[in-house]
């Protein structure tokens, strides 16, 4: 299952591992993942980490930290490593999602622990030269895959959200991990400045990089994906594009911004992030619909996307269903599958938060997320399996 804009990377990649049991079904009830979270809006990273460390302690198997763009990278990295050492994975964010709901400038962390929970993290860098990155990471990736055998496991990907490498990266990782191992990921942000974003590697935040964290556990878990947009009848075909730069120059043979503006009933001068968040485009693949969101209008009338779109891609103008209905329905299904939800790690597109703010429903969405103990961060993009997508919430729910 690959969207039309995905790129395969076949160099030096081993065959996928053999299929194992269904995710999280092994030894159901024999173990559980304990999920805790905390947040801080302290004025500096050191103070924020101290507050979070006091709340979460020092005994978890894995810590995930999401650092807003207004914090100093070096200060944050030093404080995080001093607190949790190699057990912390982290990235910069476009805002946190914590126990209090959406925190546009909040520092959020989640702690995961369990009696049989094992964690392996592999850095992948540089993303601008993936052939070199695969070669550097190959031994650790191979060792991680071999250690899994058929044990239930899931993977967490944190990636520089301004690298433009997510499509090829996620495609390649599914070749290492196999299609049966659930993978969720979030693209790091920098609030909404779009200047620099980074991932914690070797004690410092760096650009052009990613980390893959594989968690093995017999406790029950389930991946989830929430989007509240459905394809409409209006179709736009990409007729000229530069996929590597995520630029679409023309749609149906006309300047892309003008054609899109006409399709959604507005003028090019009135195209804003709010318009893009409420009227995204979708691509159909593998029997599913995947959101392709627009980042901005370029001076030449091209559209820059958050995902690559290739010439010939068929895009459909989307319309929205009530966001709360989609959210409630997805969590209810996951709850029914797990029996109960003790916690959820979520990566949620920042464009969704902008849409919720515009509709005045942030508190209502936060109430649903709090009910399922969901924490994470607002992203510049999301990964689900081998697909990079936008304007979606992906997550991993943990049962009791």
Protein backbone atom coordinates (compact mmCIF):
# COMPACT_ATOMS: atom_id res chain seq x y z
CA UNK A 1 0.00 0.00 0.00
CA UNK A 2 1.83 3.12 -1.26
CA UNK A 3 0.44 6.50 -2.31
CA UNK A 4 1.30 7.52 -5.86
CA UNK A 5 3.85 10.05 -4.56
CA UNK A 6 5.88 7.54 -2.53
CA UNK A 7 9.41 6.70 -3.59
CA UNK A 8 10.96 3.26 -3.16
CA UNK A 9 14.52 2.86 -1.93
CA UNK A 10 15.86 -0.56 -2.82
CA UNK A 11 19.59 -0.24 -2.20
CA UNK A 12 21.11 -2.61 0.33
CA UNK A 13 17.84 -3.32 2.10
CA UNK A 14 17.24 -6.83 3.46
CA UNK A 15 14.06 -8.71 2.86
CA UNK A 16 11.20 -7.98 5.29
CA UNK A 17 11.08 -10.21 8.35
CA UNK A 18 8.57 -13.02 8.48
CA UNK A 19 5.09 -12.23 9.71
CA UNK A 20 4.52 -12.77 13.41
CA UNK A 21 1.45 -12.71 15.59
CA UNK A 22 -0.92 -9.76 15.44
CA UNK A 23 0.42 -6.63 17.14
CA UNK A 24 0.06 -6.73 20.87
CA UNK A 25 -1.95 -9.93 21.02
CA UNK A 26 0.72 -12.03 22.72
CA UNK A 27 0.27 -12.72 26.42
CA UNK A 28 -2.67 -10.37 26.64
CA UNK A 29 -3.32 -9.51 30.26
CA UNK A 30 0.08 -10.76 31.41
CA UNK A 31 1.69 -7.32 31.16
CA UNK A 32 0.79 -3.70 30.58
CA UNK A 33 2.56 -0.57 29.45
CA UNK A 34 2.42 2.09 32.11
CA UNK A 35 2.13 5.48 30.44
CA UNK A 36 2.71 8.75 32.30
CA UNK A 37 3.06 12.27 30.99
CA UNK A 38 3.88 15.76 32.17
CA UNK A 39 4.26 19.22 30.68
CA UNK A 40 5.83 22.56 31.48
CA UNK A 41 5.66 26.12 30.22
CA UNK A 42 8.72 27.24 32.19
CA UNK A 43 10.64 30.07 30.46
CA UNK A 44 13.76 27.97 29.74
CA UNK A 45 14.50 24.36 28.88
CA UNK A 46 16.49 23.54 32.00
CA UNK A 47 13.64 24.61 34.26
CA UNK A 48 11.09 22.79 32.13
CA UNK A 49 13.03 19.52 32.26
CA UNK A 50 13.46 19.82 36.02
CA UNK A 51 9.70 20.19 36.44
CA UNK A 52 9.01 17.23 34.15
CA UNK A 53 11.67 15.04 35.77
CA UNK A 54 10.11 15.70 39.18
CA UNK A 55 6.73 14.60 37.84
CA UNK A 56 7.88 11.53 35.87
CA UNK A 57 10.82 10.28 37.92
CA UNK A 58 13.83 8.39 36.63
CA UNK A 59 12.75 4.75 36.39
CA UNK A 60 10.91 4.46 33.02
CA UNK A 61 12.16 2.26 30.18
CA UNK A 62 11.61 5.02 27.61
CA UNK A 63 11.07 8.77 27.73
CA UNK A 64 9.83 10.79 24.77
CA UNK A 65 10.24 14.56 24.92
CA UNK A 66 8.85 17.22 22.59
CA UNK A 67 10.57 20.59 22.73
CA UNK A 68 8.84 23.76 21.44
CA UNK A 69 10.69 25.98 19.02
CA UNK A 70 11.21 28.86 21.46
CA UNK A 71 13.61 26.82 23.65
CA UNK A 72 17.40 26.75 23.25
CA UNK A 73 18.47 23.48 21.62
CA UNK A 74 21.72 23.05 23.54
CA UNK A 75 20.09 23.83 26.87
CA UNK A 76 17.28 21.35 26.18
CA UNK A 77 19.63 18.57 25.02
CA UNK A 78 21.92 18.93 28.04
CA UNK A 79 19.01 18.88 30.48
CA UNK A 80 17.33 15.88 28.83
CA UNK A 81 20.48 13.76 28.75
CA UNK A 82 21.30 14.67 32.35
CA UNK A 83 17.79 13.55 33.33
CA UNK A 84 17.30 10.34 31.33
CA UNK A 85 20.53 9.57 29.45
CA UNK A 86 20.12 7.19 26.53
CA UNK A 87 16.55 6.31 27.55
CA UNK A 88 15.20 9.58 26.09
CA UNK A 89 14.29 10.23 22.47
CA UNK A 90 13.23 13.74 21.55
CA UNK A 91 12.54 16.23 18.80
CA UNK A 92 11.51 19.83 18.39
CA UNK A 93 7.80 20.49 18.00
CA UNK A 94 5.12 22.82 16.73
CA UNK A 95 3.53 22.60 20.18
CA UNK A 96 2.81 19.96 22.76
CA UNK A 97 -0.21 17.83 23.58
CA UNK A 98 -0.18 17.23 27.31
CA UNK A 99 -2.46 16.40 30.21
CA UNK A 100 -3.85 19.96 29.96
CA UNK A 101 -4.60 19.68 26.24
CA UNK A 102 -2.95 21.63 23.43
CA UNK A 103 0.10 23.64 24.50
CA UNK A 104 1.29 25.70 21.49
CA UNK A 105 4.51 26.62 23.34
CA UNK A 106 4.62 23.84 25.93
CA UNK A 107 7.35 21.29 26.68
CA UNK A 108 5.76 17.81 26.94
CA UNK A 109 7.24 14.43 27.87
CA UNK A 110 5.87 10.90 28.11
CA UNK A 111 7.29 8.00 30.11
CA UNK A 112 6.66 4.37 29.09
CA UNK A 113 7.52 1.46 31.34
CA UNK A 114 6.66 -2.21 31.68
CA UNK A 115 8.09 -5.40 33.17
CA UNK A 116 9.03 -6.91 29.79
CA UNK A 117 9.40 -3.75 27.74
CA UNK A 118 12.64 -3.48 25.76
CA UNK A 119 13.73 -0.48 23.71
CA UNK A 120 16.23 -0.09 20.86
CA UNK A 121 16.87 3.26 19.18
CA UNK A 122 18.73 3.67 15.90
CA UNK A 123 19.82 7.10 14.58
CA UNK A 124 19.47 7.66 10.83
CA UNK A 125 21.54 10.47 9.35
CA UNK A 126 22.12 12.33 7.05
CA UNK A 127 18.68 12.32 5.45
CA UNK A 128 19.99 14.42 2.57
CA UNK A 129 22.10 11.39 1.57
CA UNK A 130 19.98 8.37 2.40
CA UNK A 131 22.33 5.93 0.68
CA UNK A 132 25.02 6.92 3.19
CA UNK A 133 22.49 6.96 6.03
CA UNK A 134 21.38 3.39 5.30
CA UNK A 135 24.98 2.22 5.14
CA UNK A 136 25.80 3.83 8.50
CA UNK A 137 22.69 2.46 10.19
CA UNK A 138 22.59 -0.96 8.52
CA UNK A 139 24.28 -3.02 11.24
CA UNK A 140 22.13 -1.56 14.02
CA UNK A 141 18.95 -1.87 11.97
CA UNK A 142 19.76 -5.47 11.08
CA UNK A 143 20.54 -6.29 14.71
CA UNK A 144 17.28 -4.71 15.83
CA UNK A 145 15.25 -6.67 13.29
CA UNK A 146 17.00 -9.95 14.13
CA UNK A 147 16.40 -9.43 17.87
CA UNK A 148 12.65 -9.18 17.33
CA UNK A 149 12.12 -12.77 16.16
CA UNK A 150 8.31 -12.98 16.30
CA UNK A 151 7.89 -10.94 19.47
CA UNK A 152 5.14 -8.28 19.39
CA UNK A 153 6.69 -4.88 18.75
CA UNK A 154 5.98 -1.42 17.40
CA UNK A 155 8.19 1.38 16.05
CA UNK A 156 8.31 5.13 16.69
CA UNK A 157 9.90 7.43 14.12
CA UNK A 158 10.95 11.01 14.91
CA UNK A 159 12.25 12.90 11.87
CA UNK A 160 13.36 16.40 10.92
CA UNK A 161 10.16 17.91 9.55
CA UNK A 162 11.99 20.25 7.20
CA UNK A 163 14.17 17.55 5.64
CA UNK A 164 11.68 16.67 2.87
CA UNK A 165 12.92 13.10 3.24
CA UNK A 166 9.98 11.44 4.99
CA UNK A 167 8.57 9.66 1.93
CA UNK A 168 11.75 7.84 1.01
CA UNK A 169 12.69 7.28 4.65
CA UNK A 170 9.42 5.61 5.67
CA UNK A 171 9.32 3.59 2.46
CA UNK A 172 12.80 2.26 3.18
CA UNK A 173 12.10 1.52 6.84
CA UNK A 174 9.17 -0.73 5.99
CA UNK A 175 11.59 -2.81 3.94
CA UNK A 176 13.74 -3.28 7.03
CA UNK A 177 10.92 -3.85 9.51
CA UNK A 178 8.37 -5.65 7.37
CA UNK A 179 4.75 -4.67 6.80
CA UNK A 180 3.48 -6.39 9.96
CA UNK A 181 5.34 -4.25 12.48
CA UNK A 182 3.25 -1.12 13.22
CA UNK A 183 5.13 2.13 12.73
CA UNK A 184 3.93 5.59 13.72
CA UNK A 185 5.95 8.75 13.31
CA UNK A 186 5.95 12.49 13.71
CA UNK A 187 7.85 15.16 11.81
CA UNK A 188 9.59 17.64 14.09
CA UNK A 189 8.61 21.31 13.89
CA UNK A 190 9.63 24.73 15.14
CA UNK A 191 6.29 26.23 16.16
CA UNK A 192 5.19 27.69 12.81
CA UNK A 193 8.38 29.44 11.73
CA UNK A 194 9.49 26.76 9.22
CA UNK A 195 13.15 27.66 9.76
CA UNK A 196 14.78 24.68 11.48
CA UNK A 197 13.71 21.49 13.23
CA UNK A 198 15.78 18.78 14.86
CA UNK A 199 16.00 15.38 16.53
CA UNK A 200 18.05 14.42 19.59
CA UNK A 201 21.06 12.28 18.59
CA UNK A 202 24.21 11.68 20.66
CA UNK A 203 23.32 14.31 23.21
CA UNK A 204 22.43 17.17 20.90
CA UNK A 205 19.62 18.29 18.63
CA UNK A 206 20.59 17.99 14.97
CA UNK A 207 18.95 18.70 11.65
CA UNK A 208 18.72 16.38 8.65
CA UNK A 209 18.26 13.35 10.94
CA UNK A 210 15.81 10.85 12.36
CA UNK A 211 15.58 8.25 15.11
CA UNK A 212 13.80 4.92 14.89
CA UNK A 213 12.81 3.45 18.25
CA UNK A 214 11.57 -0.14 18.34
CA UNK A 215 9.63 -1.20 21.44
CA UNK A 216 9.09 -4.87 22.22
CA UNK A 217 6.44 -5.89 24.75
CA UNK A 218 3.84 -8.56 25.40
CA UNK A 219 1.42 -5.88 26.62
CA UNK A 220 -1.53 -5.10 24.33
CA UNK A 221 -1.28 -2.11 21.98
CA UNK A 222 -2.94 -0.87 18.82
CA UNK A 223 -1.98 1.75 16.21
CA UNK A 224 -4.57 4.32 15.21
CA UNK A 225 -5.10 6.90 12.49
CA UNK A 226 -7.64 9.74 12.59
CA UNK A 227 -8.56 12.06 9.75
CA UNK A 228 -11.85 13.87 9.39
CA UNK A 229 -11.69 14.77 5.71
CA UNK A 230 -13.40 12.87 2.92
CA UNK A 231 -12.82 13.14 -0.82
CA UNK A 232 -15.29 15.28 -2.74
CA UNK A 233 -16.19 15.20 -6.41
CA UNK A 234 -13.73 17.85 -7.59
CA UNK A 235 -10.58 16.31 -9.10
CA UNK A 236 -7.29 18.11 -9.78
CA UNK A 237 -4.50 16.41 -11.73
CA UNK A 238 -0.86 17.36 -11.16
CA UNK A 239 0.50 18.30 -14.58
CA UNK A 240 3.88 19.76 -13.55
CA UNK A 241 5.74 19.25 -10.28
CA UNK A 242 9.13 19.08 -8.59
CA UNK A 243 8.54 16.26 -6.06
CA UNK A 244 11.92 16.58 -4.34
CA UNK A 245 10.97 20.11 -3.32
CA UNK A 246 7.31 19.24 -2.74
CA UNK A 247 6.31 21.84 -5.31
CA UNK A 248 3.30 21.55 -7.60
CA UNK A 249 3.61 24.07 -10.43
CA UNK A 250 0.44 23.33 -12.37
CA UNK A 251 -2.87 21.59 -11.81
CA UNK A 252 -4.90 20.67 -14.88
CA UNK A 253 -2.40 22.66 -16.92
CA UNK A 254 -2.97 25.94 -15.05
CA UNK A 255 -0.93 27.65 -12.30
CA UNK A 256 -1.53 25.49 -9.25
CA UNK A 257 -2.55 28.24 -6.80
CA UNK A 258 -5.10 29.69 -9.20
CA UNK A 259 -6.61 26.30 -10.03
CA UNK A 260 -6.83 25.28 -6.38
CA UNK A 261 -8.33 28.64 -5.33
CA UNK A 262 -11.03 28.33 -7.99
CA UNK A 263 -11.78 24.76 -6.91
CA UNK A 264 -12.39 25.81 -3.29
CA UNK A 265 -14.28 28.98 -4.21
CA UNK A 266 -11.85 31.74 -3.25
CA UNK A 267 -9.11 33.98 -4.65
CA UNK A 268 -5.36 33.31 -4.66
CA UNK A 269 -4.82 36.38 -2.47
CA UNK A 270 -7.12 34.87 0.16
CA UNK A 271 -5.34 31.51 0.42
CA UNK A 272 -4.17 31.19 4.04
CA UNK A 273 -3.15 28.34 6.38
CA UNK A 274 -6.75 28.32 7.62
CA UNK A 275 -8.03 27.68 4.08
CA UNK A 276 -5.44 24.95 3.52
CA UNK A 277 -6.37 23.30 6.83
CA UNK A 278 -10.09 23.20 6.07
CA UNK A 279 -9.88 22.25 2.36
CA UNK A 280 -6.92 19.90 1.93
CA UNK A 281 -6.41 17.55 -1.00
CA UNK A 282 -6.54 13.75 -0.82
CA UNK A 283 -4.96 10.92 -2.77
CA UNK A 284 -6.47 7.44 -2.95
CA UNK A 285 -4.25 4.38 -2.63
CA UNK A 286 -4.71 0.83 -1.40
CA UNK A 287 -8.40 1.34 -0.75
CA UNK A 288 -7.76 4.28 1.61
CA UNK A 289 -7.64 8.06 1.38
CA UNK A 290 -4.55 9.98 2.49
CA UNK A 291 -4.37 13.72 3.08
CA UNK A 292 -1.96 15.90 1.09
CA UNK A 293 -1.87 19.35 2.73
CA UNK A 294 -0.65 22.60 1.22
CA UNK A 295 2.01 24.60 3.03
CA UNK A 296 1.96 27.90 1.14
CA UNK A 297 1.64 29.73 -2.15
CA UNK A 298 4.94 30.51 -3.87
CA UNK A 299 5.56 33.84 -5.66
CA UNK A 300 5.34 32.15 -9.08
CA UNK A 301 1.88 30.74 -8.34
CA UNK A 302 3.09 27.24 -7.47
CA UNK A 303 1.88 25.44 -4.36
CA UNK A 304 4.32 24.02 -1.84
CA UNK A 305 2.98 20.91 -0.09
CA UNK A 306 3.88 19.14 3.14
CA UNK A 307 4.12 15.89 1.12
CA UNK A 308 5.52 15.14 -2.30
CA UNK A 309 3.13 15.03 -5.25
CA UNK A 310 4.27 13.72 -8.61
CA UNK A 311 3.17 14.53 -12.13
CA UNK A 312 0.05 12.54 -12.90
CA UNK A 313 -1.10 12.33 -9.28
CA UNK A 314 -4.87 12.58 -8.99
CA UNK A 315 -5.88 14.84 -6.10
CA UNK A 316 -9.39 15.28 -4.79
CA UNK A 317 -10.60 18.38 -2.98
CA UNK A 318 -11.70 17.29 0.46
CA UNK A 319 -14.61 18.24 2.64
CA UNK A 320 -14.75 17.79 6.38
CA UNK A 321 -16.87 15.68 8.66
CA UNK A 322 -17.20 16.80 12.30
CA UNK A 323 -13.72 16.37 13.84
CA UNK A 324 -15.07 15.24 17.19
CA UNK A 325 -17.12 12.48 15.58
CA UNK A 326 -14.08 11.10 13.76
CA UNK A 327 -11.99 11.28 16.93
CA UNK A 328 -14.60 9.62 19.15
CA UNK A 329 -15.29 6.87 16.62
CA UNK A 330 -11.61 5.97 16.22
CA UNK A 331 -10.91 5.84 19.94
CA UNK A 332 -14.09 3.86 20.59
CA UNK A 333 -13.00 1.25 18.06
CA UNK A 334 -9.52 1.01 19.62
CA UNK A 335 -11.02 0.80 23.11
CA UNK A 336 -13.28 -2.06 21.99
CA UNK A 337 -10.29 -3.92 20.53
CA UNK A 338 -8.12 -3.46 23.62
CA UNK A 339 -10.82 -3.71 26.28
CA UNK A 340 -9.64 -0.40 27.73
CA UNK A 341 -7.09 2.29 26.90
CA UNK A 342 -4.58 3.14 29.62
CA UNK A 343 -2.63 5.67 27.58
CA UNK A 344 -1.97 6.84 24.03
CA UNK A 345 1.05 8.36 22.32
CA UNK A 346 -0.14 10.71 19.56
CA UNK A 347 1.43 12.71 16.74
CA UNK A 348 -1.08 15.26 15.48
CA UNK A 349 -0.66 17.61 12.51
CA UNK A 350 -0.37 21.25 13.53
CA UNK A 351 -2.87 22.12 10.76
CA UNK A 352 -5.51 20.18 12.69
CA UNK A 353 -4.88 22.35 15.74
CA UNK A 354 -5.22 25.48 13.61
CA UNK A 355 -8.53 24.15 12.31
CA UNK A 356 -9.74 23.35 15.82
CA UNK A 357 -8.75 26.84 16.98
CA UNK A 358 -10.69 28.37 14.09
CA UNK A 359 -13.77 26.34 15.02
CA UNK A 360 -13.39 27.02 18.74
CA UNK A 361 -13.33 23.30 19.62
CA UNK A 362 -9.79 22.88 21.03
CA UNK A 363 -11.14 22.30 24.54
CA UNK A 364 -13.65 19.71 23.28
CA UNK A 365 -10.92 17.84 21.39
CA UNK A 366 -8.64 18.05 24.42
CA UNK A 367 -11.36 16.51 26.59
CA UNK A 368 -11.54 13.46 24.33
CA UNK A 369 -7.75 13.14 24.26
CA UNK A 370 -7.59 13.43 28.05
CA UNK A 371 -10.18 10.68 28.43
CA UNK A 372 -7.81 8.32 26.61
CA UNK A 373 -4.71 9.76 28.30
CA UNK A 374 -3.28 10.91 24.98
CA UNK A 375 -0.07 12.94 24.91
CA UNK A 376 2.40 13.85 22.20
CA UNK A 377 3.07 16.81 19.94
CA UNK A 378 1.84 18.91 17.02
CA UNK A 379 3.77 17.87 13.93
CA UNK A 380 4.85 19.06 10.50
CA UNK A 381 3.82 15.67 9.10
CA UNK A 382 2.91 12.16 10.18
CA UNK A 383 4.00 8.64 9.28
CA UNK A 384 1.78 5.58 9.39
CA UNK A 385 3.36 2.34 8.25
CA UNK A 386 5.21 3.13 5.04
CA UNK A 387 3.20 6.26 4.26
CA UNK A 388 4.01 9.92 4.94
CA UNK A 389 0.85 11.99 5.26
CA UNK A 390 -0.58 15.26 6.55
CA UNK A 391 -3.48 16.68 8.51
CA UNK A 392 -3.88 13.42 10.38
CA UNK A 393 -3.42 12.19 13.92
CA UNK A 394 -1.54 8.92 14.26
CA UNK A 395 -0.93 7.16 17.53
CA UNK A 396 -0.27 4.05 19.56
CA UNK A 397 -2.82 3.10 22.21
CA UNK A 398 -1.87 0.94 25.20
CA UNK A 399 -4.34 -1.44 26.82
CA UNK A 400 -4.54 -2.85 30.32
